[in-house]
Amino acid sequence: MIKLILKRVVFVVLVFGLFGPLIGALDVAVAAEEVPPVKKSKSGICHPKGGTYYKRTKNYTPYSSMEACLKSGGRKPKR
């Protein structure tokens, strides 16, 4: 019984020792995928989440609200 427990402990240590960095990298990747509620494009248009061009906007400054984006000099989208 002690041998079985020891084998399981060694297995767990090896698995987490080898894959621990990968698991940590996945956490970072998930955090990086979080998107802001509003994106201000380089052309100064504030795109709210769910808007027509929100997903297409790649170069942007993130804002927590549409009001904050507008106060920074941005404008509402026409569509």
Foldseek 3Di string as FASTA:
>chain_A
DVVVVVVVVVVVCVVCVVCVVVVVVVVVVVVVPDAAQWWQAPVQEIAGVVRPCPVVRDHTDGDNDPVVSVVVPGDYDPD
